[in-house]
Structure formats: C-alpha cells, structure tokens
Amino acid sequence: MTDTRTKLVSAAEAPATFFREFREFIARGNVIDLAVGVIIGAAFGKIITSLVEQVVMPPIGLLLGRVDFTQFKWELQGADPAHKLPEVAIGYGAFLNTVIQFLIVALVIFLMIKLLSTMRRQEAKEPAPPPAPTPSETLLTEIRDLLKAGAGPKAPESR
C-alpha cells in the first residue's frame, strides 16, 4: 500500500519537478545570452544583406558596365509560355551576392575576435592588484608594528 502511494505521489510531482528544472535551465545566464545572440545575429544578417545588395554590389556593377549581379544565370531550359512552364536556370549571380555577404560577416567576426583577443592579452599583462588585507591581518600588522616600535605593553617587573 505504501509503495503504491509513493508511486502515485512521485507521478503527480513529476510534471512539477520537470517544469521547475526547465525553468531553472532557462533562467541560467548562458541560455539567455544565447537567445540574445541569435536575435542580434538575425538582425545583423539582415543588415549585411542590405549592405551587400544595396551598397556594395551597385558600385561594383557600375564599374563592370552597369551589371546587375542578381540577374546573372545559366539558363538550362527556357520558359514555355504555351504550357505555362517557367524557365529552369542556375542563378549564380544571387550565389555571388551570398558569397560576398558571407565574406563580410566572416570579416566582421574575425575583427571582433581579434579585438577581444587583444583586450584579453592586455588584461593578462596587467598584474592584478593584491587583495586588501582582512581585518585580522590588519590587526596583526598593527600589533607587529607596535612591538617593533617598542610601544607595546611592558611586562610587569618581577622583584
């Protein structure tokens, strides 16, 4: 009877324990930091896409004779309007834009890591200040200094 009751109680408490453990896991700083990083990364990706498509590629296309890279493609089969079939093509211009986006992201990440590494090296070079003495160490230092100075309590003279 006690064994059955114990099983029922533990089965009833299992969901509460599971959710408590899950809440503790989510509340840890690492998971929250990761979530913030993913959100910022997604926004950063949109910024890089805009940078490549609207800032970097137009001047490159202008220098190469007013070329729009997104329109570069190898047509494998033309469109068939009679049968309402679209063209089949490999869009290597869009791929080129994506490669440039990747290179920009890789460059930014490289620069960030290089900056962090430089900062860590500088922190490692600077020695940490010694910790402040504890109150008992301070008291012992004062007693030592008083004894050295001869101002300590004098022992009673014996006759």
N, C-alpha and C. Protein backbone atom coordinates (compact mmCIF):
# COMPACT_ATOMS: atom_id res chain seq x y z
N MET A 1 0.83 -1.19 0.00
CA MET A 1 0.00 0.00 0.00
C MET A 1 0.87 1.25 0.00
N THR A 2 1.90 1.26 0.83
CA THR A 2 2.80 2.42 0.91
C THR A 2 3.55 2.58 -0.40
N ASP A 3 3.95 1.48 -1.03
CA ASP A 3 4.68 1.53 -2.28
C ASP A 3 3.81 2.13 -3.39
N THR A 4 2.56 1.76 -3.45
CA THR A 4 1.64 2.30 -4.45
C THR A 4 1.42 3.78 -4.23
N ARG A 5 1.27 4.16 -2.96
CA ARG A 5 1.07 5.58 -2.64
C ARG A 5 2.31 6.40 -3.02
N THR A 6 3.49 5.87 -2.77
CA THR A 6 4.73 6.56 -3.12
C THR A 6 4.82 6.75 -4.63
N LYS A 7 4.45 5.74 -5.40
CA LYS A 7 4.48 5.84 -6.85
C LYS A 7 3.49 6.89 -7.34
N LEU A 8 2.31 6.93 -6.75
CA LEU A 8 1.31 7.91 -7.16
C LEU A 8 1.76 9.33 -6.84
N VAL A 9 2.34 9.52 -5.67
CA VAL A 9 2.82 10.85 -5.28
C VAL A 9 3.95 11.30 -6.19
N SER A 10 4.90 10.39 -6.46
CA SER A 10 6.02 10.77 -7.33
C SER A 10 5.54 11.02 -8.76
N ALA A 11 4.54 10.29 -9.24
CA ALA A 11 3.99 10.52 -10.58
C ALA A 11 3.28 11.87 -10.64
N ALA A 12 2.61 12.25 -9.58
CA ALA A 12 1.92 13.54 -9.54
C ALA A 12 2.91 14.70 -9.45
N GLU A 13 4.04 14.49 -8.77
CA GLU A 13 5.03 15.55 -8.61
C GLU A 13 5.98 15.65 -9.81
N ALA A 14 6.04 14.64 -10.67
CA ALA A 14 6.98 14.63 -11.79
C ALA A 14 6.81 15.83 -12.72
N PRO A 15 5.59 16.19 -13.14
CA PRO A 15 5.48 17.36 -14.02
C PRO A 15 5.96 18.64 -13.33
N ALA A 16 5.66 18.80 -12.06
CA ALA A 16 6.11 20.00 -11.34
C ALA A 16 7.63 20.03 -11.27
N THR A 17 8.25 18.89 -11.02
CA THR A 17 9.70 18.82 -10.96
C THR A 17 10.29 19.11 -12.34
N PHE A 18 9.69 18.55 -13.38
CA PHE A 18 10.17 18.78 -14.73
C PHE A 18 10.12 20.26 -15.08
N PHE A 19 9.00 20.91 -14.81
CA PHE A 19 8.86 22.33 -15.14
C PHE A 19 9.77 23.20 -14.28
N ARG A 20 9.99 22.83 -13.03
CA ARG A 20 10.91 23.57 -12.17
C ARG A 20 12.33 23.48 -12.73
N GLU A 21 12.74 22.27 -13.10
CA GLU A 21 14.08 22.09 -13.68
C GLU A 21 14.21 22.85 -14.99
N PHE A 22 13.14 22.82 -15.82
CA PHE A 22 13.16 23.54 -17.09
C PHE A 22 13.28 25.05 -16.85
N ARG A 23 12.54 25.57 -15.88
CA ARG A 23 12.60 26.99 -15.56
C ARG A 23 14.01 27.38 -15.08
N GLU A 24 14.62 26.54 -14.27
CA GLU A 24 15.98 26.82 -13.80
C GLU A 24 16.97 26.80 -14.96
N PHE A 25 16.77 25.86 -15.89
CA PHE A 25 17.64 25.78 -17.07
C PHE A 25 17.52 27.04 -17.92
N ILE A 26 16.30 27.48 -18.15
CA ILE A 26 16.07 28.67 -18.98
C ILE A 26 16.59 29.92 -18.28
N ALA A 27 16.48 29.97 -16.97
CA ALA A 27 16.88 31.17 -16.23
C ALA A 27 18.39 31.31 -16.14
N ARG A 28 19.13 30.23 -16.47
CA ARG A 28 20.58 30.36 -16.44
C ARG A 28 21.03 31.40 -17.45
N GLY A 29 22.09 32.09 -17.14
CA GLY A 29 22.59 33.16 -17.99
C GLY A 29 23.00 32.69 -19.38
N ASN A 30 23.54 31.49 -19.51
CA ASN A 30 24.03 31.03 -20.81
C ASN A 30 22.91 30.94 -21.83
N VAL A 31 21.77 30.43 -21.43
CA VAL A 31 20.66 30.26 -22.37
C VAL A 31 20.13 31.61 -22.80
N ILE A 32 20.01 32.53 -21.87
CA ILE A 32 19.52 33.87 -22.19
C ILE A 32 20.52 34.58 -23.08
N ASP A 33 21.81 34.46 -22.78
CA ASP A 33 22.84 35.07 -23.63
C ASP A 33 22.79 34.51 -25.04
N LEU A 34 22.58 33.20 -25.15
CA LEU A 34 22.49 32.56 -26.46
C LEU A 34 21.28 33.09 -27.22
N ALA A 35 20.14 33.23 -26.56
CA ALA A 35 18.94 33.74 -27.22
C ALA A 35 19.16 35.17 -27.72
N VAL A 36 19.79 35.99 -26.89
CA VAL A 36 20.08 37.37 -27.31
C VAL A 36 21.03 37.36 -28.51
N GLY A 37 22.03 36.50 -28.48
CA GLY A 37 22.97 36.40 -29.59
C GLY A 37 22.30 35.98 -30.88
N VAL A 38 21.36 35.04 -30.80
CA VAL A 38 20.65 34.59 -32.00
C VAL A 38 19.80 35.72 -32.57
N ILE A 39 19.12 36.46 -31.71
CA ILE A 39 18.28 37.57 -32.17
C ILE A 39 19.13 38.66 -32.81
N ILE A 40 20.22 39.01 -32.16
CA ILE A 40 21.11 40.04 -32.72
C ILE A 40 21.73 39.53 -34.02
N GLY A 41 22.09 38.25 -34.06
CA GLY A 41 22.66 37.68 -35.28
C GLY A 41 21.69 37.73 -36.45
N ALA A 42 20.42 37.46 -36.18
CA ALA A 42 19.42 37.53 -37.26
C ALA A 42 19.29 38.96 -37.77
N ALA A 43 19.26 39.92 -36.86
CA ALA A 43 19.17 41.32 -37.28
C ALA A 43 20.44 41.73 -38.03
N PHE A 44 21.58 41.26 -37.57
CA PHE A 44 22.86 41.57 -38.22
C PHE A 44 22.88 41.00 -39.63
N GLY A 45 22.32 39.81 -39.82
CA GLY A 45 22.24 39.20 -41.14
C GLY A 45 21.44 40.05 -42.12
N LYS A 46 20.35 40.63 -41.64
CA LYS A 46 19.54 41.50 -42.50
C LYS A 46 20.31 42.76 -42.87
N ILE A 47 21.06 43.29 -41.92
CA ILE A 47 21.87 44.48 -42.20
C ILE A 47 22.93 44.16 -43.25
N ILE A 48 23.59 43.02 -43.12
CA ILE A 48 24.62 42.64 -44.07
C ILE A 48 24.01 42.40 -45.45
N THR A 49 22.85 41.74 -45.51
CA THR A 49 22.18 41.54 -46.79
C THR A 49 21.90 42.87 -47.47
N SER A 50 21.37 43.81 -46.71
CA SER A 50 21.10 45.13 -47.26
C SER A 50 22.38 45.82 -47.70
N LEU A 51 23.43 45.71 -46.90
CA LEU A 51 24.71 46.32 -47.24
C LEU A 51 25.24 45.78 -48.57
N VAL A 52 25.21 44.48 -48.74
CA VAL A 52 25.74 43.88 -49.96
C VAL A 52 24.88 44.24 -51.16
N GLU A 53 23.55 44.04 -51.03
CA GLU A 53 22.67 44.23 -52.19
C GLU A 53 22.49 45.70 -52.57
N GLN A 54 22.53 46.61 -51.59
CA GLN A 54 22.19 47.99 -51.88
C GLN A 54 23.37 48.95 -51.83
N VAL A 55 24.49 48.52 -51.25
CA VAL A 55 25.63 49.43 -51.13
C VAL A 55 26.87 48.89 -51.86
N VAL A 56 27.21 47.64 -51.65
CA VAL A 56 28.46 47.09 -52.21
C VAL A 56 28.30 46.72 -53.68
N MET A 57 27.25 45.97 -54.01
CA MET A 57 27.13 45.45 -55.37
C MET A 57 26.80 46.51 -56.43
N PRO A 58 25.98 47.52 -56.18
CA PRO A 58 25.73 48.52 -57.24
C PRO A 58 26.99 49.20 -57.76
N PRO A 59 27.92 49.68 -56.90
CA PRO A 59 29.14 50.27 -57.47
C PRO A 59 29.99 49.26 -58.24
N ILE A 60 30.04 48.02 -57.76
CA ILE A 60 30.80 47.00 -58.49
C ILE A 60 30.15 46.76 -59.85
N GLY A 61 28.82 46.68 -59.87
CA GLY A 61 28.11 46.50 -61.13
C GLY A 61 28.32 47.68 -62.07
N LEU A 62 28.36 48.89 -61.52
CA LEU A 62 28.59 50.09 -62.33
C LEU A 62 29.99 50.06 -62.94
N LEU A 63 30.97 49.67 -62.14
CA LEU A 63 32.35 49.58 -62.64
C LEU A 63 32.49 48.53 -63.75
N LEU A 64 31.67 47.51 -63.70
CA LEU A 64 31.73 46.44 -64.70
C LEU A 64 30.76 46.66 -65.85
N GLY A 65 30.26 47.88 -66.01
CA GLY A 65 29.38 48.17 -67.15
C GLY A 65 27.91 48.05 -66.85
N ARG A 66 27.49 48.58 -65.72
CA ARG A 66 26.06 48.57 -65.33
C ARG A 66 25.48 47.16 -65.30
N VAL A 67 26.14 46.29 -64.56
CA VAL A 67 25.73 44.90 -64.45
C VAL A 67 24.97 44.71 -63.14
N ASP A 68 23.83 44.01 -63.21
CA ASP A 68 23.09 43.63 -62.01
C ASP A 68 23.40 42.17 -61.73
N PHE A 69 24.16 41.91 -60.69
CA PHE A 69 24.62 40.55 -60.41
C PHE A 69 23.48 39.59 -60.13
N THR A 70 22.38 40.09 -59.57
CA THR A 70 21.28 39.17 -59.25
C THR A 70 20.65 38.59 -60.51
N GLN A 71 20.87 39.21 -61.67
CA GLN A 71 20.30 38.72 -62.92
C GLN A 71 21.19 37.72 -63.64
N PHE A 72 22.40 37.48 -63.12
CA PHE A 72 23.30 36.52 -63.77
C PHE A 72 22.76 35.11 -63.55
N LYS A 73 22.62 34.37 -64.64
CA LYS A 73 22.12 33.00 -64.53
C LYS A 73 22.51 32.20 -65.75
N TRP A 74 22.56 30.90 -65.57
CA TRP A 74 22.75 29.97 -66.68
C TRP A 74 21.39 29.35 -66.95
N GLU A 75 20.88 29.63 -68.09
CA GLU A 75 19.56 29.11 -68.44
C GLU A 75 19.72 27.68 -68.93
N LEU A 76 19.09 26.76 -68.24
CA LEU A 76 19.14 25.35 -68.62
C LEU A 76 18.00 25.01 -69.60
N GLN A 77 16.85 25.65 -69.36
CA GLN A 77 15.71 25.44 -70.25
C GLN A 77 14.89 26.71 -70.23
N GLY A 78 14.55 27.21 -71.39
CA GLY A 78 13.78 28.44 -71.49
C GLY A 78 12.35 28.25 -71.03
N ALA A 79 11.70 29.36 -70.75
CA ALA A 79 10.31 29.33 -70.33
C ALA A 79 9.45 28.92 -71.52
N ASP A 80 8.38 28.22 -71.25
CA ASP A 80 7.44 27.79 -72.28
C ASP A 80 6.07 28.39 -71.96
N PRO A 81 5.77 29.57 -72.57
CA PRO A 81 4.50 30.23 -72.25
C PRO A 81 3.29 29.42 -72.70
N ALA A 82 3.44 28.61 -73.71
CA ALA A 82 2.30 27.83 -74.20
C ALA A 82 1.84 26.81 -73.16
N HIS A 83 2.81 26.23 -72.49
CA HIS A 83 2.48 25.23 -71.45
C HIS A 83 2.56 25.81 -70.04
N LYS A 84 2.80 27.12 -69.95
CA LYS A 84 2.92 27.82 -68.67
C LYS A 84 4.00 27.23 -67.78
N LEU A 85 5.14 26.95 -68.38
CA LEU A 85 6.27 26.41 -67.64
C LEU A 85 7.31 27.52 -67.47
N PRO A 86 7.81 27.73 -66.24
CA PRO A 86 8.84 28.75 -66.04
C PRO A 86 10.18 28.26 -66.56
N GLU A 87 11.11 29.19 -66.70
CA GLU A 87 12.44 28.79 -67.12
C GLU A 87 13.15 28.05 -66.00
N VAL A 88 14.09 27.22 -66.38
CA VAL A 88 14.92 26.50 -65.42
C VAL A 88 16.32 27.07 -65.58
N ALA A 89 16.83 27.66 -64.49
CA ALA A 89 18.13 28.33 -64.59
C ALA A 89 18.88 28.20 -63.28
N ILE A 90 20.19 28.31 -63.38
CA ILE A 90 21.06 28.35 -62.19
C ILE A 90 21.42 29.82 -61.99
N GLY A 91 20.97 30.39 -60.88
CA GLY A 91 21.20 31.80 -60.60
C GLY A 91 22.51 32.01 -59.86
N TYR A 92 23.60 32.05 -60.61
CA TYR A 92 24.90 32.21 -59.95
C TYR A 92 25.15 33.64 -59.50
N GLY A 93 24.41 34.61 -60.01
CA GLY A 93 24.56 35.99 -59.55
C GLY A 93 24.09 36.15 -58.11
N ALA A 94 22.96 35.54 -57.78
CA ALA A 94 22.46 35.57 -56.40
C ALA A 94 23.44 34.84 -55.48
N PHE A 95 24.00 33.73 -56.01
CA PHE A 95 25.00 33.00 -55.23
C PHE A 95 26.23 33.87 -54.96
N LEU A 96 26.65 34.64 -55.97
CA LEU A 96 27.79 35.54 -55.80
C LEU A 96 27.50 36.57 -54.71
N ASN A 97 26.28 37.12 -54.71
CA ASN A 97 25.89 38.06 -53.65
C ASN A 97 25.97 37.39 -52.28
N THR A 98 25.50 36.15 -52.18
CA THR A 98 25.52 35.43 -50.91
C THR A 98 26.96 35.17 -50.46
N VAL A 99 27.84 34.85 -51.38
CA VAL A 99 29.26 34.64 -51.04
C VAL A 99 29.86 35.94 -50.50
N ILE A 100 29.54 37.06 -51.13
CA ILE A 100 30.06 38.35 -50.65
C ILE A 100 29.50 38.66 -49.26
N GLN A 101 28.22 38.36 -49.05
CA GLN A 101 27.64 38.56 -47.71
C GLN A 101 28.40 37.73 -46.67
N PHE A 102 28.67 36.47 -47.01
CA PHE A 102 29.40 35.61 -46.10
C PHE A 102 30.78 36.17 -45.79
N LEU A 103 31.48 36.65 -46.82
CA LEU A 103 32.82 37.20 -46.61
C LEU A 103 32.78 38.43 -45.70
N ILE A 104 31.77 39.25 -45.85
CA ILE A 104 31.64 40.43 -44.98
C ILE A 104 31.38 40.00 -43.54
N VAL A 105 30.47 39.05 -43.35
CA VAL A 105 30.19 38.55 -41.99
C VAL A 105 31.44 37.93 -41.40
N ALA A 106 32.15 37.12 -42.18
CA ALA A 106 33.38 36.49 -41.68
C ALA A 106 34.42 37.54 -41.30
N LEU A 107 34.53 38.59 -42.11
CA LEU A 107 35.48 39.67 -41.79
C LEU A 107 35.10 40.36 -40.49
N VAL A 108 33.83 40.67 -40.31
CA VAL A 108 33.39 41.34 -39.08
C VAL A 108 33.64 40.45 -37.86
N ILE A 109 33.33 39.16 -37.98
CA ILE A 109 33.56 38.24 -36.85
C ILE A 109 35.05 38.13 -36.55
N PHE A 110 35.87 38.05 -37.60
CA PHE A 110 37.32 38.00 -37.41
C PHE A 110 37.81 39.24 -36.67
N LEU A 111 37.34 40.42 -37.09
CA LEU A 111 37.77 41.65 -36.43
C LEU A 111 37.32 41.70 -34.98
N MET A 112 36.10 41.22 -34.70
CA MET A 112 35.62 41.21 -33.32
C MET A 112 36.46 40.27 -32.46
N ILE A 113 36.77 39.09 -32.97
CA ILE A 113 37.58 38.13 -32.21
C ILE A 113 38.98 38.68 -31.99
N LYS A 114 39.54 39.32 -33.02
CA LYS A 114 40.87 39.91 -32.90
C LYS A 114 40.87 41.00 -31.83
N LEU A 115 39.82 41.83 -31.80
CA LEU A 115 39.71 42.88 -30.78
C LEU A 115 39.60 42.27 -29.39
N LEU A 116 38.76 41.24 -29.23
CA LEU A 116 38.62 40.59 -27.93
C LEU A 116 39.93 39.95 -27.48
N SER A 117 40.64 39.31 -28.41
CA SER A 117 41.92 38.68 -28.06
C SER A 117 42.94 39.73 -27.62
N THR A 118 42.96 40.86 -28.30
CA THR A 118 43.88 41.94 -27.93
C THR A 118 43.55 42.46 -26.54
N MET A 119 42.26 42.65 -26.27
CA MET A 119 41.86 43.14 -24.95
C MET A 119 42.23 42.14 -23.86
N ARG A 120 42.03 40.85 -24.11
CA ARG A 120 42.37 39.83 -23.11
C ARG A 120 43.87 39.77 -22.86
N ARG A 121 44.67 39.93 -23.93
CA ARG A 121 46.12 39.93 -23.74
C ARG A 121 46.56 41.12 -22.89
N GLN A 122 45.94 42.27 -23.11
CA GLN A 122 46.29 43.46 -22.32
C GLN A 122 45.89 43.26 -20.86
N GLU A 123 44.74 42.63 -20.62
CA GLU A 123 44.31 42.36 -19.25
C GLU A 123 45.27 41.38 -18.58
N ALA A 124 45.76 40.41 -19.33
CA ALA A 124 46.68 39.42 -18.77
C ALA A 124 48.02 40.05 -18.42
N LYS A 125 48.45 41.07 -19.17
CA LYS A 125 49.72 41.72 -18.90
C LYS A 125 49.67 42.54 -17.62
N GLU A 126 48.53 43.14 -17.35
CA GLU A 126 48.40 43.97 -16.15
C GLU A 126 48.22 43.06 -14.94
N PRO A 127 49.17 43.14 -13.99
CA PRO A 127 49.00 42.29 -12.82
C PRO A 127 47.82 42.77 -11.97
N ALA A 128 47.14 41.83 -11.43
CA ALA A 128 46.01 42.16 -10.57
C ALA A 128 46.53 42.76 -9.27
N PRO A 129 45.87 43.78 -8.76
CA PRO A 129 46.32 44.36 -7.50
C PRO A 129 46.16 43.33 -6.39
N PRO A 130 47.08 43.38 -5.41
CA PRO A 130 46.96 42.41 -4.32
C PRO A 130 45.66 42.65 -3.56
N PRO A 131 45.09 41.59 -3.07
CA PRO A 131 43.83 41.75 -2.33
C PRO A 131 44.07 42.52 -1.03
N ALA A 132 43.06 43.25 -0.64
CA ALA A 132 43.15 44.02 0.60
C ALA A 132 43.27 43.05 1.78
N PRO A 133 44.05 43.43 2.78
CA PRO A 133 44.19 42.53 3.93
C PRO A 133 42.87 42.41 4.69
N THR A 134 42.69 41.25 5.26
CA THR A 134 41.49 41.01 6.06
C THR A 134 41.61 41.81 7.35
N PRO A 135 40.51 42.01 8.05
CA PRO A 135 40.59 42.75 9.33
C PRO A 135 41.56 42.11 10.33
N SER A 136 41.61 40.78 10.36
CA SER A 136 42.52 40.14 11.32
C SER A 136 43.98 40.37 10.90
N GLU A 137 44.25 40.37 9.59
CA GLU A 137 45.61 40.65 9.13
C GLU A 137 46.00 42.10 9.46
N THR A 138 45.06 43.02 9.29
CA THR A 138 45.33 44.42 9.61
C THR A 138 45.66 44.58 11.09
N LEU A 139 44.88 43.92 11.95
CA LEU A 139 45.12 43.99 13.40
C LEU A 139 46.47 43.39 13.76
N LEU A 140 46.79 42.25 13.16
CA LEU A 140 48.09 41.63 13.45
C LEU A 140 49.25 42.51 12.97
N THR A 141 49.08 43.19 11.83
CA THR A 141 50.11 44.10 11.32
C THR A 141 50.31 45.26 12.29
N GLU A 142 49.22 45.80 12.81
CA GLU A 142 49.34 46.91 13.78
C GLU A 142 50.05 46.45 15.05
N ILE A 143 49.71 45.25 15.51
CA ILE A 143 50.37 44.73 16.72
C ILE A 143 51.86 44.55 16.46
N ARG A 144 52.21 43.98 15.29
CA ARG A 144 53.62 43.79 14.95
C ARG A 144 54.36 45.11 14.92
N ASP A 145 53.76 46.12 14.29
CA ASP A 145 54.41 47.43 14.19
C ASP A 145 54.60 48.06 15.57
N LEU A 146 53.61 47.89 16.45
CA LEU A 146 53.74 48.43 17.81
C LEU A 146 54.86 47.72 18.58
N LEU A 147 54.97 46.41 18.41
CA LEU A 147 56.01 45.67 19.10
C LEU A 147 57.40 46.05 18.58
N LYS A 148 57.51 46.28 17.27
CA LYS A 148 58.79 46.71 16.70
C LYS A 148 59.18 48.07 17.22
N ALA A 149 58.20 48.93 17.38
CA ALA A 149 58.49 50.29 17.83
C ALA A 149 58.76 50.33 19.33
N GLY A 150 58.53 49.27 20.02
CA GLY A 150 58.79 49.24 21.47
C GLY A 150 57.68 49.90 22.24
N ALA A 151 56.59 50.14 21.65
CA ALA A 151 55.50 50.81 22.34
C ALA A 151 54.48 49.79 22.85
N GLY A 152 54.82 48.55 22.77
CA GLY A 152 53.90 47.51 23.19
C GLY A 152 53.77 47.49 24.71
N PRO A 153 52.85 46.77 25.24
CA PRO A 153 52.68 46.67 26.68
C PRO A 153 53.91 46.03 27.31
N LYS A 154 54.34 46.61 28.38
CA LYS A 154 55.54 46.13 29.06
C LYS A 154 55.12 45.08 30.08
N ALA A 155 55.91 44.09 30.15
CA ALA A 155 55.65 43.03 31.13
C ALA A 155 55.95 43.58 32.52
N PRO A 156 55.17 43.22 33.54
CA PRO A 156 55.44 43.71 34.91
C PRO A 156 56.79 43.19 35.39
N GLU A 157 57.49 44.07 36.07
CA GLU A 157 58.80 43.69 36.56
C GLU A 157 58.67 42.79 37.77
N SER A 158 59.48 41.77 37.80
CA SER A 158 59.43 40.88 38.95
C SER A 158 60.56 41.26 39.89
N ARG A 159 60.35 41.18 41.19
CA ARG A 159 61.34 41.61 42.18
C ARG A 159 61.97 40.47 42.84
